[in-house]
């Protein structure tokens, strides 16, 4: 399976996992503001921007480690652009990370704050 197919499979696994936790899907693979948001979910009153990181082995470390300052800023810009386009700048938001490593799913709610950049 190529990287793109692995990424799509990981995102679908994360989507299913989050839905099982009661979150509702809003959109996926949204490109705006110079970035991409893997999943956008609704969790109660929060609109949640989710970054999915899948690892097949331990060589590259944990997925959350790949969500560095540059990546957080890119996701934040994309989220702001999305909210602006939807006319939803007053909606409470959260930034989560879902790691999938060796088949195990780990959801990290509020993994980071909005990061202007």
PDB file of N, CA and C in Angstrom:
ATOM      1  N   UNK A   1       0.852  -1.170   0.000  1.00  0.00           N
ATOM      2  CA  UNK A   1       0.000   0.000   0.000  1.00  0.00           C
ATOM      3  C   UNK A   1       0.902   1.240   0.000  1.00  0.00           C
ATOM      4  N   UNK A   2       0.614   2.201  -0.885  1.00  0.00           N
ATOM      5  CA  UNK A   2       1.438   3.414  -0.941  1.00  0.00           C
ATOM      6  C   UNK A   2       1.080   4.369   0.200  1.00  0.00           C
ATOM      7  N   UNK A   3       1.883   5.413   0.345  1.00  0.00           N
ATOM      8  CA  UNK A   3       1.708   6.357   1.465  1.00  0.00           C
ATOM      9  C   UNK A   3       0.352   7.049   1.453  1.00  0.00           C
ATOM     10  N   UNK A   4      -0.106   7.417   0.264  1.00  0.00           N
ATOM     11  CA  UNK A   4      -1.405   8.101   0.167  1.00  0.00           C
ATOM     12  C   UNK A   4      -2.529   7.177   0.629  1.00  0.00           C
ATOM     13  N   UNK A   5      -2.482   5.925   0.194  1.00  0.00           N
ATOM     14  CA  UNK A   5      -3.504   4.953   0.604  1.00  0.00           C
ATOM     15  C   UNK A   5      -3.415   4.673   2.097  1.00  0.00           C
ATOM     16  N   UNK A   6      -2.203   4.592   2.638  1.00  0.00           N
ATOM     17  CA  UNK A   6      -2.033   4.390   4.081  1.00  0.00           C
ATOM     18  C   UNK A   6      -2.603   5.569   4.860  1.00  0.00           C
ATOM     19  N   UNK A   7      -2.337   6.783   4.366  1.00  0.00           N
ATOM     20  CA  UNK A   7      -2.864   7.978   5.032  1.00  0.00           C
ATOM     21  C   UNK A   7      -4.381   7.996   5.027  1.00  0.00           C
ATOM     22  N   UNK A   8      -4.980   7.662   3.882  1.00  0.00           N
ATOM     23  CA  UNK A   8      -6.444   7.643   3.780  1.00  0.00           C
ATOM     24  C   UNK A   8      -7.032   6.582   4.710  1.00  0.00           C
ATOM     25  N   UNK A   9      -6.387   5.428   4.783  1.00  0.00           N
ATOM     26  CA  UNK A   9      -6.860   4.366   5.677  1.00  0.00           C
ATOM     27  C   UNK A   9      -6.760   4.815   7.128  1.00  0.00           C
ATOM     28  N   UNK A  10      -5.678   5.492   7.478  1.00  0.00           N
ATOM     29  CA  UNK A  10      -5.518   6.001   8.835  1.00  0.00           C
ATOM     30  C   UNK A  10      -6.577   7.031   9.183  1.00  0.00           C
ATOM     31  N   UNK A  11      -6.877   7.915   8.255  1.00  0.00           N
ATOM     32  CA  UNK A  11      -7.898   8.934   8.489  1.00  0.00           C
ATOM     33  C   UNK A  11      -9.272   8.301   8.675  1.00  0.00           C
ATOM     34  N   UNK A  12      -9.573   7.257   7.899  1.00  0.00           N
ATOM     35  CA  UNK A  12     -10.858   6.578   8.044  1.00  0.00           C
ATOM     36  C   UNK A  12     -10.938   5.859   9.388  1.00  0.00           C
ATOM     37  N   UNK A  13      -9.821   5.281   9.805  1.00  0.00           N
ATOM     38  CA  UNK A  13      -9.784   4.616  11.124  1.00  0.00           C
ATOM     39  C   UNK A  13     -10.001   5.646  12.229  1.00  0.00           C
ATOM     40  N   UNK A  14      -9.347   6.795  12.114  1.00  0.00           N
ATOM     41  CA  UNK A  14      -9.519   7.862  13.104  1.00  0.00           C
ATOM     42  C   UNK A  14     -10.962   8.362  13.113  1.00  0.00           C
ATOM     43  N   UNK A  15     -11.540   8.523  11.929  1.00  0.00           N
ATOM     44  CA  UNK A  15     -12.931   8.977  11.821  1.00  0.00           C
ATOM     45  C   UNK A  15     -13.866   8.013  12.548  1.00  0.00           C
ATOM     46  N   UNK A  16     -13.711   6.725  12.286  1.00  0.00           N
ATOM     47  CA  UNK A  16     -14.552   5.719  12.945  1.00  0.00           C
ATOM     48  C   UNK A  16     -14.381   5.769  14.461  1.00  0.00           C
ATOM     49  N   UNK A  17     -13.143   5.879  14.895  1.00  0.00           N
ATOM     50  CA  UNK A  17     -12.849   5.929  16.330  1.00  0.00           C
ATOM     51  C   UNK A  17     -13.529   7.136  16.981  1.00  0.00           C
ATOM     52  N   UNK A  18     -13.403   8.297  16.361  1.00  0.00           N
ATOM     53  CA  UNK A  18     -14.002   9.510  16.921  1.00  0.00           C
ATOM     54  C   UNK A  18     -15.528   9.437  16.905  1.00  0.00           C
ATOM     55  N   UNK A  19     -16.092   8.847  15.872  1.00  0.00           N
ATOM     56  CA  UNK A  19     -17.543   8.676  15.822  1.00  0.00           C
ATOM     57  C   UNK A  19     -18.006   7.745  16.944  1.00  0.00           C
ATOM     58  N   UNK A  20     -17.238   6.709  17.214  1.00  0.00           N
ATOM     59  CA  UNK A  20     -17.582   5.798  18.310  1.00  0.00           C
ATOM     60  C   UNK A  20     -17.549   6.519  19.653  1.00  0.00           C
ATOM     61  N   UNK A  21     -16.743   7.571  19.743  1.00  0.00           N
ATOM     62  CA  UNK A  21     -16.679   8.377  20.969  1.00  0.00           C
ATOM     63  C   UNK A  21     -17.778   9.437  21.011  1.00  0.00           C
ATOM     64  N   UNK A  22     -18.640   9.465  19.988  1.00  0.00           N
ATOM     65  CA  UNK A  22     -19.772  10.385  19.983  1.00  0.00           C
ATOM     66  C   UNK A  22     -19.571  11.671  19.197  1.00  0.00           C
ATOM     67  N   UNK A  23     -18.429  11.814  18.536  1.00  0.00           N
ATOM     68  CA  UNK A  23     -18.196  13.015  17.734  1.00  0.00           C
ATOM     69  C   UNK A  23     -18.867  12.856  16.368  1.00  0.00           C
ATOM     70  N   UNK A  24     -19.272  13.976  15.798  1.00  0.00           N
ATOM     71  CA  UNK A  24     -19.958  13.957  14.506  1.00  0.00           C
ATOM     72  C   UNK A  24     -19.055  14.531  13.421  1.00  0.00           C
ATOM     73  N   UNK A  25     -18.955  13.836  12.278  1.00  0.00           N
ATOM     74  CA  UNK A  25     -18.111  14.350  11.187  1.00  0.00           C
ATOM     75  C   UNK A  25     -18.728  15.577  10.530  1.00  0.00           C
ATOM     76  N   UNK A  26     -17.857  16.534  10.197  1.00  0.00           N
ATOM     77  CA  UNK A  26     -18.274  17.739   9.488  1.00  0.00           C
ATOM     78  C   UNK A  26     -17.653  17.742   8.093  1.00  0.00           C
ATOM     79  N   UNK A  27     -16.350  17.475   8.018  1.00  0.00           N
ATOM     80  CA  UNK A  27     -15.639  17.479   6.732  1.00  0.00           C
ATOM     81  C   UNK A  27     -14.322  16.729   6.905  1.00  0.00           C
ATOM     82  N   UNK A  28     -13.716  16.359   5.768  1.00  0.00           N
ATOM     83  CA  UNK A  28     -12.386  15.760   5.825  1.00  0.00           C
ATOM     84  C   UNK A  28     -11.565  16.210   4.626  1.00  0.00           C
ATOM     85  N   UNK A  29     -10.253  16.204   4.842  1.00  0.00           N
ATOM     86  CA  UNK A  29      -9.286  16.637   3.817  1.00  0.00           C
ATOM     87  C   UNK A  29      -9.639  18.016   3.254  1.00  0.00           C
ATOM     88  N   UNK A  30      -9.812  18.962   4.151  1.00  0.00           N
ATOM     89  CA  UNK A  30     -10.161  20.326   3.762  1.00  0.00           C
ATOM     90  C   UNK A  30      -8.876  21.101   3.502  1.00  0.00           C
ATOM     91  N   UNK A  31      -8.769  21.660   2.302  1.00  0.00           N
ATOM     92  CA  UNK A  31      -7.611  22.481   1.936  1.00  0.00           C
ATOM     93  C   UNK A  31      -8.042  23.938   1.878  1.00  0.00           C
ATOM     94  N   UNK A  32      -7.395  24.746   2.714  1.00  0.00           N
ATOM     95  CA  UNK A  32      -7.659  26.186   2.692  1.00  0.00           C
ATOM     96  C   UNK A  32      -6.581  26.887   3.498  1.00  0.00           C
ATOM     97  N   UNK A  33      -6.379  28.144   3.228  1.00  0.00           N
ATOM     98  CA  UNK A  33      -5.409  28.922   3.969  1.00  0.00           C
ATOM     99  C   UNK A  33      -3.986  28.404   3.864  1.00  0.00           C
ATOM    100  N   UNK A  34      -3.682  27.727   2.773  1.00  0.00           N
ATOM    101  CA  UNK A  34      -2.336  27.205   2.579  1.00  0.00           C
ATOM    102  C   UNK A  34      -2.032  25.931   3.341  1.00  0.00           C
ATOM    103  N   UNK A  35      -3.056  25.270   3.852  1.00  0.00           N
ATOM    104  CA  UNK A  35      -2.840  24.028   4.592  1.00  0.00           C
ATOM    105  C   UNK A  35      -3.976  23.059   4.376  1.00  0.00           C
ATOM    106  N   UNK A  36      -3.878  21.931   5.055  1.00  0.00           N
ATOM    107  CA  UNK A  36      -4.913  20.911   4.959  1.00  0.00           C
ATOM    108  C   UNK A  36      -5.299  20.460   6.363  1.00  0.00           C
ATOM    109  N   UNK A  37      -6.573  20.252   6.551  1.00  0.00           N
ATOM    110  CA  UNK A  37      -7.088  19.719   7.805  1.00  0.00           C
ATOM    111  C   UNK A  37      -7.605  18.324   7.511  1.00  0.00           C
ATOM    112  N   UNK A  38      -7.075  17.337   8.236  1.00  0.00           N
ATOM    113  CA  UNK A  38      -7.444  15.947   7.973  1.00  0.00           C
ATOM    114  C   UNK A  38      -8.921  15.700   8.246  1.00  0.00           C
ATOM    115  N   UNK A  39      -9.379  16.047   9.442  1.00  0.00           N
ATOM    116  CA  UNK A  39     -10.778  15.842   9.814  1.00  0.00           C
ATOM    117  C   UNK A  39     -11.291  17.068  10.558  1.00  0.00           C
ATOM    118  N   UNK A  40     -12.543  17.397  10.310  1.00  0.00           N
ATOM    119  CA  UNK A  40     -13.231  18.410  11.106  1.00  0.00           C
ATOM    120  C   UNK A  40     -14.434  17.701  11.707  1.00  0.00           C
ATOM    121  N   UNK A  41     -14.524  17.761  13.032  1.00  0.00           N
ATOM    122  CA  UNK A  41     -15.567  17.039  13.757  1.00  0.00           C
ATOM    123  C   UNK A  41     -16.318  18.008  14.658  1.00  0.00           C
ATOM    124  N   UNK A  42     -17.507  17.622  15.051  1.00  0.00           N
ATOM    125  CA  UNK A  42     -18.274  18.376  16.042  1.00  0.00           C
ATOM    126  C   UNK A  42     -18.281  17.522  17.318  1.00  0.00           C
ATOM    127  N   UNK A  43     -17.904  18.151  18.427  1.00  0.00           N
ATOM    128  CA  UNK A  43     -17.920  17.484  19.738  1.00  0.00           C
ATOM    129  C   UNK A  43     -18.652  18.412  20.691  1.00  0.00           C
ATOM    130  N   UNK A  44     -19.948  18.178  20.837  1.00  0.00           N
ATOM    131  CA  UNK A  44     -20.774  19.086  21.632  1.00  0.00           C
ATOM    132  C   UNK A  44     -20.796  20.446  20.970  1.00  0.00           C
ATOM    133  N   UNK A  45     -20.410  21.461  21.706  1.00  0.00           N
ATOM    134  CA  UNK A  45     -20.418  22.815  21.140  1.00  0.00           C
ATOM    135  C   UNK A  45     -19.139  23.143  20.397  1.00  0.00           C
ATOM    136  N   UNK A  46     -18.142  22.265  20.467  1.00  0.00           N
ATOM    137  CA  UNK A  46     -16.841  22.529  19.838  1.00  0.00           C
ATOM    138  C   UNK A  46     -16.774  22.037  18.398  1.00  0.00           C
ATOM    139  N   UNK A  47     -16.129  22.833  17.565  1.00  0.00           N
ATOM    140  CA  UNK A  47     -15.726  22.401  16.241  1.00  0.00           C
ATOM    141  C   UNK A  47     -14.272  21.972  16.409  1.00  0.00           C
ATOM    142  N   UNK A  48     -13.975  20.732  16.072  1.00  0.00           N
ATOM    143  CA  UNK A  48     -12.672  20.149  16.365  1.00  0.00           C
ATOM    144  C   UNK A  48     -11.905  19.909  15.066  1.00  0.00           C
ATOM    145  N   UNK A  49     -10.712  20.478  15.002  1.00  0.00           N
ATOM    146  CA  UNK A  49      -9.813  20.277  13.870  1.00  0.00           C
ATOM    147  C   UNK A  49      -8.833  19.189  14.278  1.00  0.00           C
ATOM    148  N   UNK A  50      -8.828  18.103  13.505  1.00  0.00           N
ATOM    149  CA  UNK A  50      -8.083  16.909  13.898  1.00  0.00           C
ATOM    150  C   UNK A  50      -6.945  16.641  12.912  1.00  0.00           C
ATOM    151  N   UNK A  51      -5.759  16.483  13.441  1.00  0.00           N
ATOM    152  CA  UNK A  51      -4.595  16.051  12.664  1.00  0.00           C
ATOM    153  C   UNK A  51      -4.388  14.573  12.962  1.00  0.00           C
ATOM    154  N   UNK A  52      -4.330  13.765  11.905  1.00  0.00           N
ATOM    155  CA  UNK A  52      -4.143  12.322  12.050  1.00  0.00           C
ATOM    156  C   UNK A  52      -2.713  11.981  11.673  1.00  0.00           C
ATOM    157  N   UNK A  53      -2.037  11.251  12.558  1.00  0.00           N
ATOM    158  CA  UNK A  53      -0.667  10.809  12.307  1.00  0.00           C
ATOM    159  C   UNK A  53      -0.618   9.306  12.494  1.00  0.00           C
ATOM    160  N   UNK A  54      -0.216   8.623  11.442  1.00  0.00           N
ATOM    161  CA  UNK A  54      -0.129   7.169  11.485  1.00  0.00           C
ATOM    162  C   UNK A  54       1.329   6.746  11.358  1.00  0.00           C
ATOM    163  N   UNK A  55       1.719   5.808  12.184  1.00  0.00           N
ATOM    164  CA  UNK A  55       3.072   5.259  12.151  1.00  0.00           C
ATOM    165  C   UNK A  55       2.973   3.744  12.052  1.00  0.00           C
ATOM    166  N   UNK A  56       3.764   3.169  11.176  1.00  0.00           N
ATOM    167  CA  UNK A  56       3.753   1.716  11.044  1.00  0.00           C
ATOM    168  C   UNK A  56       4.783   1.057  11.949  1.00  0.00           C
ATOM    169  N   UNK A  57       5.773   1.808  12.376  1.00  0.00           N
ATOM    170  CA  UNK A  57       6.796   1.274  13.269  1.00  0.00           C
ATOM    171  C   UNK A  57       7.258   2.350  14.218  1.00  0.00           C
ATOM    172  N   UNK A  58       8.254   2.055  15.015  1.00  0.00           N
ATOM    173  CA  UNK A  58       8.730   3.001  16.001  1.00  0.00           C
ATOM    174  C   UNK A  58       9.882   3.865  15.545  1.00  0.00           C
ATOM    175  N   UNK A  59      10.362   3.656  14.322  1.00  0.00           N
ATOM    176  CA  UNK A  59      11.548   4.391  13.854  1.00  0.00           C
ATOM    177  C   UNK A  59      11.348   5.897  13.824  1.00  0.00           C
ATOM    178  N   UNK A  60      10.158   6.338  13.494  1.00  0.00           N
ATOM    179  CA  UNK A  60       9.926   7.778  13.313  1.00  0.00           C
ATOM    180  C   UNK A  60       9.385   8.440  14.573  1.00  0.00           C
ATOM    181  N   UNK A  61       9.326   7.727  15.678  1.00  0.00           N
ATOM    182  CA  UNK A  61       8.800   8.306  16.902  1.00  0.00           C
ATOM    183  C   UNK A  61       7.285   8.308  16.908  1.00  0.00           C
ATOM    184  N   UNK A  62       6.730   8.992  17.875  1.00  0.00           N
ATOM    185  CA  UNK A  62       5.285   9.072  17.989  1.00  0.00           C
ATOM    186  C   UNK A  62       4.739  10.111  17.026  1.00  0.00           C
ATOM    187  N   UNK A  63       3.502   9.878  16.585  1.00  0.00           N
ATOM    188  CA  UNK A  63       2.872  10.796  15.646  1.00  0.00           C
ATOM    189  C   UNK A  63       2.754  12.207  16.173  1.00  0.00           C
ATOM    190  N   UNK A  64       2.472  12.339  17.460  1.00  0.00           N
ATOM    191  CA  UNK A  64       2.297  13.681  18.047  1.00  0.00           C
ATOM    192  C   UNK A  64       3.572  14.499  17.944  1.00  0.00           C
ATOM    193  N   UNK A  65       4.724  13.836  17.898  1.00  0.00           N
ATOM    194  CA  UNK A  65       5.994  14.548  17.774  1.00  0.00           C
ATOM    195  C   UNK A  65       6.143  15.229  16.416  1.00  0.00           C
ATOM    196  N   UNK A  66       5.416  14.726  15.419  1.00  0.00           N
ATOM    197  CA  UNK A  66       5.474  15.306  14.080  1.00  0.00           C
ATOM    198  C   UNK A  66       4.629  16.574  13.961  1.00  0.00           C
ATOM    199  N   UNK A  67       3.802  16.837  14.957  1.00  0.00           N
ATOM    200  CA  UNK A  67       2.974  18.039  14.937  1.00  0.00           C
ATOM    201  C   UNK A  67       3.765  19.136  15.667  1.00  0.00           C
ATOM    202  N   UNK A  68       4.768  19.623  14.958  1.00  0.00           N
ATOM    203  CA  UNK A  68       5.667  20.634  15.516  1.00  0.00           C
ATOM    204  C   UNK A  68       5.073  22.032  15.349  1.00  0.00           C
ATOM    205  N   UNK A  69       5.824  23.045  15.759  1.00  0.00           N
ATOM    206  CA  UNK A  69       5.327  24.429  15.717  1.00  0.00           C
ATOM    207  C   UNK A  69       4.921  24.843  14.307  1.00  0.00           C
ATOM    208  N   UNK A  70       5.697  24.462  13.322  1.00  0.00           N
ATOM    209  CA  UNK A  70       5.384  24.819  11.932  1.00  0.00           C
ATOM    210  C   UNK A  70       4.065  24.170  11.496  1.00  0.00           C
ATOM    211  N   UNK A  71       3.887  22.893  11.838  1.00  0.00           N
ATOM    212  CA  UNK A  71       2.666  22.171  11.474  1.00  0.00           C
ATOM    213  C   UNK A  71       1.467  22.757  12.222  1.00  0.00           C
ATOM    214  N   UNK A  72       1.633  23.087  13.503  1.00  0.00           N
ATOM    215  CA  UNK A  72       0.540  23.691  14.275  1.00  0.00           C
ATOM    216  C   UNK A  72       0.118  25.024  13.668  1.00  0.00           C
ATOM    217  N   UNK A  73       1.085  25.837  13.248  1.00  0.00           N
ATOM    218  CA  UNK A  73       0.769  27.126  12.621  1.00  0.00           C
ATOM    219  C   UNK A  73       0.029  26.922  11.303  1.00  0.00           C
ATOM    220  N   UNK A  74       0.440  25.937  10.519  1.00  0.00           N
ATOM    221  CA  UNK A  74      -0.217  25.663   9.233  1.00  0.00           C
ATOM    222  C   UNK A  74      -1.660  25.203   9.461  1.00  0.00           C
ATOM    223  N   UNK A  75      -1.865  24.329  10.429  1.00  0.00           N
ATOM    224  CA  UNK A  75      -3.221  23.859  10.742  1.00  0.00           C
ATOM    225  C   UNK A  75      -4.067  25.014  11.270  1.00  0.00           C
ATOM    226  N   UNK A  76      -3.484  25.851  12.112  1.00  0.00           N
ATOM    227  CA  UNK A  76      -4.214  26.998  12.656  1.00  0.00           C
ATOM    228  C   UNK A  76      -4.646  27.959  11.556  1.00  0.00           C
ATOM    229  N   UNK A  77      -3.754  28.245  10.608  1.00  0.00           N
ATOM    230  CA  UNK A  77      -4.104  29.125   9.481  1.00  0.00           C
ATOM    231  C   UNK A  77      -5.223  28.525   8.649  1.00  0.00           C
ATOM    232  N   UNK A  78      -5.143  27.220   8.397  1.00  0.00           N
ATOM    233  CA  UNK A  78      -6.184  26.553   7.614  1.00  0.00           C
ATOM    234  C   UNK A  78      -7.515  26.588   8.363  1.00  0.00           C
ATOM    235  N   UNK A  79      -7.480  26.383   9.677  1.00  0.00           N
ATOM    236  CA  UNK A  79      -8.701  26.420  10.479  1.00  0.00           C
ATOM    237  C   UNK A  79      -9.325  27.814  10.451  1.00  0.00           C
ATOM    238  N   UNK A  80      -8.496  28.839  10.595  1.00  0.00           N
ATOM    239  CA  UNK A  80      -8.993  30.211  10.557  1.00  0.00           C
ATOM    240  C   UNK A  80      -9.616  30.529   9.201  1.00  0.00           C
ATOM    241  N   UNK A  81      -8.974  30.100   8.127  1.00  0.00           N
ATOM    242  CA  UNK A  81      -9.524  30.314   6.785  1.00  0.00           C
ATOM    243  C   UNK A  81     -10.855  29.575   6.624  1.00  0.00           C
ATOM    244  N   UNK A  82     -10.924  28.348   7.130  1.00  0.00           N
ATOM    245  CA  UNK A  82     -12.157  27.566   7.054  1.00  0.00           C
ATOM    246  C   UNK A  82     -13.282  28.265   7.818  1.00  0.00           C
ATOM    247  N   UNK A  83     -12.978  28.681   9.051  1.00  0.00           N
ATOM    248  CA  UNK A  83     -13.986  29.361   9.866  1.00  0.00           C
ATOM    249  C   UNK A  83     -14.463  30.653   9.205  1.00  0.00           C
ATOM    250  N   UNK A  84     -13.530  31.406   8.615  1.00  0.00           N
ATOM    251  CA  UNK A  84     -13.895  32.631   7.920  1.00  0.00           C
ATOM    252  C   UNK A  84     -14.797  32.360   6.732  1.00  0.00           C
ATOM    253  N   UNK A  85     -14.465  31.333   5.962  1.00  0.00           N
ATOM    254  CA  UNK A  85     -15.273  30.983   4.791  1.00  0.00           C
ATOM    255  C   UNK A  85     -16.671  30.514   5.191  1.00  0.00           C
ATOM    256  N   UNK A  86     -16.778  29.899   6.369  1.00  0.00           N
ATOM    257  CA  UNK A  86     -18.074  29.413   6.855  1.00  0.00           C
ATOM    258  C   UNK A  86     -18.846  30.485   7.611  1.00  0.00           C
ATOM    259  N   UNK A  87     -18.208  31.643   7.868  1.00  0.00           N
ATOM    260  CA  UNK A  87     -18.843  32.685   8.665  1.00  0.00           C
ATOM    261  C   UNK A  87     -19.031  32.254  10.107  1.00  0.00           C
ATOM    262  N   UNK A  88     -18.064  31.478  10.607  1.00  0.00           N
ATOM    263  CA  UNK A  88     -18.191  30.880  11.941  1.00  0.00           C
ATOM    264  C   UNK A  88     -17.048  31.258  12.862  1.00  0.00           C
ATOM    265  N   UNK A  89     -16.596  32.494  12.795  1.00  0.00           N
ATOM    266  CA  UNK A  89     -15.438  32.895  13.589  1.00  0.00           C
ATOM    267  C   UNK A  89     -15.707  32.911  15.095  1.00  0.00           C
ATOM    268  N   UNK A  90     -16.974  32.842  15.496  1.00  0.00           N
ATOM    269  CA  UNK A  90     -17.295  32.882  16.921  1.00  0.00           C
ATOM    270  C   UNK A  90     -17.549  31.500  17.534  1.00  0.00           C
ATOM    271  N   UNK A  91     -17.331  30.448  16.778  1.00  0.00           N
ATOM    272  CA  UNK A  91     -17.552  29.079  17.249  1.00  0.00           C
ATOM    273  C   UNK A  91     -16.364  28.641  18.110  1.00  0.00           C
ATOM    274  N   UNK A  92     -16.603  28.011  19.262  1.00  0.00           N
ATOM    275  CA  UNK A  92     -15.473  27.506  20.045  1.00  0.00           C
ATOM    276  C   UNK A  92     -14.810  26.340  19.305  1.00  0.00           C
ATOM    277  N   UNK A  93     -13.483  26.364  19.267  1.00  0.00           N
ATOM    278  CA  UNK A  93     -12.742  25.339  18.521  1.00  0.00           C
ATOM    279  C   UNK A  93     -11.743  24.630  19.425  1.00  0.00           C
ATOM    280  N   UNK A  94     -11.306  23.482  18.941  1.00  0.00           N
ATOM    281  CA  UNK A  94     -10.301  22.698  19.633  1.00  0.00           C
ATOM    282  C   UNK A  94      -9.429  22.034  18.570  1.00  0.00           C
ATOM    283  N   UNK A  95      -8.180  21.820  18.902  1.00  0.00           N
ATOM    284  CA  UNK A  95      -7.238  21.163  17.997  1.00  0.00           C
ATOM    285  C   UNK A  95      -6.795  19.849  18.631  1.00  0.00           C
ATOM    286  N   UNK A  96      -7.194  18.743  18.016  1.00  0.00           N
ATOM    287  CA  UNK A  96      -6.863  17.406  18.517  1.00  0.00           C
ATOM    288  C   UNK A  96      -5.861  16.724  17.597  1.00  0.00           C
ATOM    289  N   UNK A  97      -5.188  15.730  18.125  1.00  0.00           N
ATOM    290  CA  UNK A  97      -4.330  14.851  17.334  1.00  0.00           C
ATOM    291  C   UNK A  97      -4.794  13.428  17.584  1.00  0.00           C
ATOM    292  N   UNK A  98      -4.862  12.650  16.523  1.00  0.00           N
ATOM    293  CA  UNK A  98      -5.105  11.213  16.641  1.00  0.00           C
ATOM    294  C   UNK A  98      -3.871  10.507  16.102  1.00  0.00           C
ATOM    295  N   UNK A  99      -3.262   9.703  16.968  1.00  0.00           N
ATOM    296  CA  UNK A  99      -2.106   8.892  16.580  1.00  0.00           C
ATOM    297  C   UNK A  99      -2.583   7.467  16.331  1.00  0.00           C
ATOM    298  N   UNK A 100      -2.070   6.886  15.277  1.00  0.00           N
ATOM    299  CA  UNK A 100      -2.307   5.464  15.050  1.00  0.00           C
ATOM    300  C   UNK A 100      -0.925   4.851  14.908  1.00  0.00           C
ATOM    301  N   UNK A 101      -0.571   4.018  15.864  1.00  0.00           N
ATOM    302  CA  UNK A 101       0.763   3.429  15.862  1.00  0.00           C
ATOM    303  C   UNK A 101       0.643   1.947  16.200  1.00  0.00           C
ATOM    304  N   UNK A 102       1.172   1.136  15.299  1.00  0.00           N
ATOM    305  CA  UNK A 102       1.114  -0.322  15.455  1.00  0.00           C
ATOM    306  C   UNK A 102      -0.315  -0.799  15.684  1.00  0.00           C
ATOM    307  N   UNK A 103      -1.251  -0.161  14.998  1.00  0.00           N
ATOM    308  CA  UNK A 103      -2.656  -0.559  15.076  1.00  0.00           C
ATOM    309  C   UNK A 103      -3.428   0.024  16.237  1.00  0.00           C
ATOM    310  N   UNK A 104      -2.765   0.683  17.168  1.00  0.00           N
ATOM    311  CA  UNK A 104      -3.432   1.274  18.327  1.00  0.00           C
ATOM    312  C   UNK A 104      -3.777   2.734  18.045  1.00  0.00           C
ATOM    313  N   UNK A 105      -4.982   3.132  18.430  1.00  0.00           N
ATOM    314  CA  UNK A 105      -5.440   4.504  18.233  1.00  0.00           C
ATOM    315  C   UNK A 105      -5.335   5.254  19.557  1.00  0.00           C
ATOM    316  N   UNK A 106      -4.729   6.420  19.512  1.00  0.00           N
ATOM    317  CA  UNK A 106      -4.608   7.280  20.693  1.00  0.00           C
ATOM    318  C   UNK A 106      -5.134   8.667  20.317  1.00  0.00           C
ATOM    319  N   UNK A 107      -6.214   9.084  20.978  1.00  0.00           N
ATOM    320  CA  UNK A 107      -6.821  10.390  20.728  1.00  0.00           C
ATOM    321  C   UNK A 107      -6.314  11.362  21.781  1.00  0.00           C
ATOM    322  N   UNK A 108      -5.773  12.491  21.332  1.00  0.00           N
ATOM    323  CA  UNK A 108      -5.255  13.511  22.238  1.00  0.00           C
ATOM    324  C   UNK A 108      -6.103  14.773  22.058  1.00  0.00           C
ATOM    325  N   UNK A 109      -7.155  14.922  22.887  1.00  0.00           N
ATOM    326  CA  UNK A 109      -7.975  16.126  22.793  1.00  0.00           C
ATOM    327  C   UNK A 109      -7.183  17.352  23.234  1.00  0.00           C
ATOM    328  N   UNK A 110      -7.468  18.485  22.618  1.00  0.00           N
ATOM    329  CA  UNK A 110      -6.795  19.747  22.956  1.00  0.00           C
ATOM    330  C   UNK A 110      -5.283  19.564  22.961  1.00  0.00           C
ATOM    331  N   UNK A 111      -4.778  18.931  21.915  1.00  0.00           N
ATOM    332  CA  UNK A 111      -3.337  18.643  21.807  1.00  0.00           C
ATOM    333  C   UNK A 111      -2.504  19.916  21.697  1.00  0.00           C
ATOM    334  N   UNK A 112      -3.095  20.959  21.115  1.00  0.00           N
ATOM    335  CA  UNK A 112      -2.405  22.244  21.031  1.00  0.00           C
ATOM    336  C   UNK A 112      -3.415  23.371  20.928  1.00  0.00           C
ATOM    337  N   UNK A 113      -2.957  24.554  21.215  1.00  0.00           N
ATOM    338  CA  UNK A 113      -3.768  25.767  21.123  1.00  0.00           C
ATOM    339  C   UNK A 113      -3.591  26.382  19.734  1.00  0.00           C
ATOM    340  N   UNK A 114      -4.482  27.313  19.392  1.00  0.00           N
ATOM    341  CA  UNK A 114      -4.327  28.064  18.154  1.00  0.00           C
ATOM    342  C   UNK A 114      -2.931  28.674  18.125  1.00  0.00           C
ATOM    343  N   UNK A 115      -2.241  28.490  17.019  1.00  0.00           N
ATOM    344  CA  UNK A 115      -0.853  28.943  16.892  1.00  0.00           C
ATOM    345  C   UNK A 115      -0.748  29.912  15.728  1.00  0.00           C
ATOM    346  N   UNK A 116      -0.782  31.209  16.010  1.00  0.00           N
ATOM    347  CA  UNK A 116      -0.646  32.165  14.902  1.00  0.00           C
ATOM    348  C   UNK A 116       0.768  32.075  14.315  1.00  0.00           C
ATOM    349  N   UNK A 117       0.852  32.289  13.054  1.00  0.00           N
ATOM    350  CA  UNK A 117       2.191  32.201  12.471  1.00  0.00           C
ATOM    351  C   UNK A 117       2.181  32.689  11.127  1.00  0.00           C
TER     352      UNK A 117
END
